[in-house]
Amino acid sequence: MVVGLISPHEERQLFEKLVEYYQKLYPKLKFGTKETILEPNELASVLYTYPGEEAEATSTEKMKEIRDAINFGYDTPAILLQKGKEYLVLDGHRRLRVARERRIKWKALVITTPAGAKFGIEKMVMGKIGDLF
């Protein structure tokens, strides 16, 4: 494991916390979970949410770490929120950008939601990965 990159185990723990968080935040909605593998063309249509100023400031360095680590089997999944047929990034912004750049498949842990549900994170959508990067 490369120092500074999140491990698959840590990402799964974060995923479980996010599922609990969304269930508490939206108690009337029924959430599900699934794992999927996004094809390179699917990565382009994932909605990229603003990761925060600190994450943007260090993105170049972290993406280099991810690129290097992929050569040694690094494959920690991203965490997505699925709304209908759309996916929004909750965690793993840089991993998805690198996967898109390299045109490789990438694993994702997905929180599924009922059709028509509205979430605050939607206000943070900057656009589709394929359009932005």
C-alpha atoms as a PDB file:
ATOM      1  CA  MET A   1       0.000   0.000   0.000  1.00  0.00           C
ATOM      2  CA  VAL A   2       1.268   3.431  -0.917  1.00  0.00           C
ATOM      3  CA  VAL A   3       1.435   5.844   2.018  1.00  0.00           C
ATOM      4  CA  GLY A   4      -1.213   8.550   1.781  1.00  0.00           C
ATOM      5  CA  LEU A   5      -3.684   6.604  -0.328  1.00  0.00           C
ATOM      6  CA  ILE A   6      -6.821   5.154   1.199  1.00  0.00           C
ATOM      7  CA  SER A   7      -6.945   1.369   1.413  1.00  0.00           C
ATOM      8  CA  PRO A   8      -9.884  -0.725   0.196  1.00  0.00           C
ATOM      9  CA  HIS A   9     -10.670  -1.588   3.833  1.00  0.00           C
ATOM     10  CA  GLU A  10     -10.727   2.078   4.866  1.00  0.00           C
ATOM     11  CA  GLU A  11     -12.906   2.933   1.867  1.00  0.00           C
ATOM     12  CA  ARG A  12     -15.396   0.188   2.786  1.00  0.00           C
ATOM     13  CA  GLN A  13     -15.572   1.573   6.339  1.00  0.00           C
ATOM     14  CA  LEU A  14     -16.205   5.059   4.939  1.00  0.00           C
ATOM     15  CA  PHE A  15     -18.888   3.628   2.645  1.00  0.00           C
ATOM     16  CA  GLU A  16     -20.694   2.038   5.589  1.00  0.00           C
ATOM     17  CA  LYS A  17     -20.555   5.335   7.506  1.00  0.00           C
ATOM     18  CA  LEU A  18     -21.920   7.234   4.512  1.00  0.00           C
ATOM     19  CA  VAL A  19     -24.810   4.779   4.126  1.00  0.00           C
ATOM     20  CA  GLU A  20     -25.676   5.279   7.821  1.00  0.00           C
ATOM     21  CA  TYR A  21     -25.334   9.046   7.422  1.00  0.00           C
ATOM     22  CA  TYR A  22     -27.691   9.190   4.442  1.00  0.00           C
ATOM     23  CA  GLN A  23     -30.204   6.960   6.219  1.00  0.00           C
ATOM     24  CA  LYS A  24     -30.204   9.297   9.233  1.00  0.00           C
ATOM     25  CA  LEU A  25     -30.258  12.450   7.123  1.00  0.00           C
ATOM     26  CA  TYR A  26     -33.137  11.199   4.957  1.00  0.00           C
ATOM     27  CA  PRO A  27     -35.090   8.815   7.237  1.00  0.00           C
ATOM     28  CA  LYS A  28     -38.117   8.562   4.926  1.00  0.00           C
ATOM     29  CA  LEU A  29     -36.064   7.263   1.995  1.00  0.00           C
ATOM     30  CA  LYS A  30     -35.050   3.656   1.459  1.00  0.00           C
ATOM     31  CA  PHE A  31     -31.408   3.250   0.490  1.00  0.00           C
ATOM     32  CA  GLY A  32     -29.688   0.224  -0.937  1.00  0.00           C
ATOM     33  CA  THR A  33     -26.108  -0.644  -1.737  1.00  0.00           C
ATOM     34  CA  LYS A  34     -24.319  -2.381  -4.560  1.00  0.00           C
ATOM     35  CA  GLU A  35     -20.884  -2.810  -6.040  1.00  0.00           C
ATOM     36  CA  THR A  36     -20.224  -2.200  -9.685  1.00  0.00           C
ATOM     37  CA  ILE A  37     -17.423  -1.816 -12.164  1.00  0.00           C
ATOM     38  CA  LEU A  38     -17.601   1.281 -14.310  1.00  0.00           C
ATOM     39  CA  GLU A  39     -16.470   0.945 -17.887  1.00  0.00           C
ATOM     40  CA  PRO A  40     -14.270   3.738 -19.247  1.00  0.00           C
ATOM     41  CA  ASN A  41     -17.178   5.266 -21.183  1.00  0.00           C
ATOM     42  CA  GLU A  42     -19.377   5.202 -18.048  1.00  0.00           C
ATOM     43  CA  LEU A  43     -16.721   7.120 -16.094  1.00  0.00           C
ATOM     44  CA  ALA A  44     -17.187  10.063 -18.458  1.00  0.00           C
ATOM     45  CA  SER A  45     -20.828  10.487 -17.447  1.00  0.00           C
ATOM     46  CA  VAL A  46     -20.285  10.337 -13.669  1.00  0.00           C
ATOM     47  CA  LEU A  47     -21.276  13.654 -12.081  1.00  0.00           C
ATOM     48  CA  TYR A  48     -18.238  15.215 -10.436  1.00  0.00           C
ATOM     49  CA  THR A  49     -18.977  16.949  -7.151  1.00  0.00           C
ATOM     50  CA  TYR A  50     -16.755  19.679  -5.781  1.00  0.00           C
ATOM     51  CA  PRO A  51     -14.234  17.876  -3.546  1.00  0.00           C
ATOM     52  CA  GLY A  52     -13.233  20.939  -1.517  1.00  0.00           C
ATOM     53  CA  GLU A  53     -10.445  23.498  -1.740  1.00  0.00           C
ATOM     54  CA  GLU A  54      -7.827  21.367   0.003  1.00  0.00           C
ATOM     55  CA  ALA A  55      -8.501  18.391  -2.261  1.00  0.00           C
ATOM     56  CA  GLU A  56      -8.276  20.570  -5.356  1.00  0.00           C
ATOM     57  CA  ALA A  57      -5.018  22.131  -4.161  1.00  0.00           C
ATOM     58  CA  THR A  58      -3.353  18.727  -3.773  1.00  0.00           C
ATOM     59  CA  SER A  59      -5.004  16.965  -6.706  1.00  0.00           C
ATOM     60  CA  THR A  60      -1.984  16.990  -9.025  1.00  0.00           C
ATOM     61  CA  GLU A  61       0.285  15.353  -6.460  1.00  0.00           C
ATOM     62  CA  LYS A  62      -2.322  12.823  -5.331  1.00  0.00           C
ATOM     63  CA  MET A  63      -3.185  11.882  -8.908  1.00  0.00           C
ATOM     64  CA  LYS A  64       0.490  11.186  -9.565  1.00  0.00           C
ATOM     65  CA  GLU A  65       0.533   8.905  -6.508  1.00  0.00           C
ATOM     66  CA  ILE A  66      -2.571   7.122  -7.787  1.00  0.00           C
ATOM     67  CA  ARG A  67      -1.104   6.714 -11.293  1.00  0.00           C
ATOM     68  CA  ASP A  68       2.057   5.215  -9.829  1.00  0.00           C
ATOM     69  CA  ALA A  69       0.153   2.967  -7.397  1.00  0.00           C
ATOM     70  CA  ILE A  70      -2.122   1.589 -10.135  1.00  0.00           C
ATOM     71  CA  ASN A  71       0.996   0.107 -11.720  1.00  0.00           C
ATOM     72  CA  PHE A  72       1.355  -1.970  -8.536  1.00  0.00           C
ATOM     73  CA  GLY A  73      -2.292  -3.066  -8.279  1.00  0.00           C
ATOM     74  CA  TYR A  74      -3.878  -0.157  -6.408  1.00  0.00           C
ATOM     75  CA  ASP A  75      -7.614  -0.356  -7.016  1.00  0.00           C
ATOM     76  CA  THR A  76      -9.491   1.125  -4.062  1.00  0.00           C
ATOM     77  CA  PRO A  77     -13.064   1.682  -5.257  1.00  0.00           C
ATOM     78  CA  ALA A  78     -14.769   5.058  -5.411  1.00  0.00           C
ATOM     79  CA  ILE A  79     -17.994   5.779  -3.525  1.00  0.00           C
ATOM     80  CA  LEU A  80     -20.958   6.951  -5.585  1.00  0.00           C
ATOM     81  CA  LEU A  81     -24.548   7.986  -4.968  1.00  0.00           C
ATOM     82  CA  GLN A  82     -26.890   6.681  -7.655  1.00  0.00           C
ATOM     83  CA  LYS A  83     -29.930   8.751  -8.596  1.00  0.00           C
ATOM     84  CA  GLY A  84     -31.911   7.016 -11.298  1.00  0.00           C
ATOM     85  CA  LYS A  85     -29.312   6.334 -13.971  1.00  0.00           C
ATOM     86  CA  GLU A  86     -26.908   9.033 -12.774  1.00  0.00           C
ATOM     87  CA  TYR A  87     -23.949   8.596 -10.462  1.00  0.00           C
ATOM     88  CA  LEU A  88     -22.584  11.370  -8.230  1.00  0.00           C
ATOM     89  CA  VAL A  89     -19.091  11.109  -6.716  1.00  0.00           C
ATOM     90  CA  LEU A  90     -19.042  11.083  -2.906  1.00  0.00           C
ATOM     91  CA  ASP A  91     -15.442   9.888  -2.530  1.00  0.00           C
ATOM     92  CA  GLY A  92     -12.709   8.890  -4.949  1.00  0.00           C
ATOM     93  CA  HIS A  93     -12.710  11.963  -7.156  1.00  0.00           C
ATOM     94  CA  ARG A  94      -9.052  11.647  -8.153  1.00  0.00           C
ATOM     95  CA  ARG A  95      -9.198   7.861  -8.586  1.00  0.00           C
ATOM     96  CA  LEU A  96     -12.027   8.287 -11.093  1.00  0.00           C
ATOM     97  CA  ARG A  97     -10.174  11.069 -12.901  1.00  0.00           C
ATOM     98  CA  VAL A  98      -7.091   8.884 -13.253  1.00  0.00           C
ATOM     99  CA  ALA A  99      -9.164   5.897 -14.404  1.00  0.00           C
ATOM    100  CA  ARG A 100     -10.897   8.102 -16.985  1.00  0.00           C
ATOM    101  CA  GLU A 101      -7.549   9.499 -18.132  1.00  0.00           C
ATOM    102  CA  ARG A 102      -6.127   5.987 -18.520  1.00  0.00           C
ATOM    103  CA  ARG A 103      -9.349   4.654 -20.042  1.00  0.00           C
ATOM    104  CA  ILE A 104      -9.537   1.782 -17.569  1.00  0.00           C
ATOM    105  CA  LYS A 105     -12.415   0.218 -15.650  1.00  0.00           C
ATOM    106  CA  TRP A 106     -12.855   1.195 -12.012  1.00  0.00           C
ATOM    107  CA  LYS A 107     -14.707  -0.366  -9.104  1.00  0.00           C
ATOM    108  CA  ALA A 108     -17.330   1.563  -7.185  1.00  0.00           C
ATOM    109  CA  LEU A 109     -19.326   1.112  -4.016  1.00  0.00           C
ATOM    110  CA  VAL A 110     -22.746   2.593  -4.680  1.00  0.00           C
ATOM    111  CA  ILE A 111     -25.489   3.939  -2.459  1.00  0.00           C
ATOM    112  CA  THR A 112     -28.709   3.458  -4.408  1.00  0.00           C
ATOM    113  CA  THR A 113     -31.661   5.785  -3.912  1.00  0.00           C
ATOM    114  CA  PRO A 114     -35.324   5.946  -4.855  1.00  0.00           C
ATOM    115  CA  ALA A 115     -36.193   7.622  -8.139  1.00  0.00           C
ATOM    116  CA  GLY A 116     -36.932  11.324  -7.789  1.00  0.00           C
ATOM    117  CA  ALA A 117     -35.108  11.795  -4.476  1.00  0.00           C
ATOM    118  CA  LYS A 118     -33.321  15.130  -4.005  1.00  0.00           C
ATOM    119  CA  PHE A 119     -30.054  15.541  -2.113  1.00  0.00           C
ATOM    120  CA  GLY A 120     -27.992  18.506  -0.955  1.00  0.00           C
ATOM    121  CA  ILE A 121     -24.865  17.098  -2.625  1.00  0.00           C
ATOM    122  CA  GLU A 122     -26.488  17.839  -5.986  1.00  0.00           C
ATOM    123  CA  LYS A 123     -25.736  21.533  -5.416  1.00  0.00           C
ATOM    124  CA  MET A 124     -22.036  20.610  -5.496  1.00  0.00           C
ATOM    125  CA  VAL A 125     -22.104  19.040  -8.982  1.00  0.00           C
ATOM    126  CA  MET A 126     -19.584  20.720 -11.251  1.00  0.00           C
ATOM    127  CA  GLY A 127     -20.399  18.641 -14.337  1.00  0.00           C
ATOM    128  CA  LYS A 128     -19.623  15.280 -15.888  1.00  0.00           C
ATOM    129  CA  ILE A 129     -16.101  13.925 -15.540  1.00  0.00           C
ATOM    130  CA  GLY A 130     -15.820  13.556 -19.316  1.00  0.00           C
ATOM    131  CA  ASP A 131     -16.727  17.218 -19.853  1.00  0.00           C
ATOM    132  CA  LEU A 132     -14.537  18.606 -17.080  1.00  0.00           C
ATOM    133  CA  PHE A 133     -11.336  16.603 -17.519  1.00  0.00           C
END
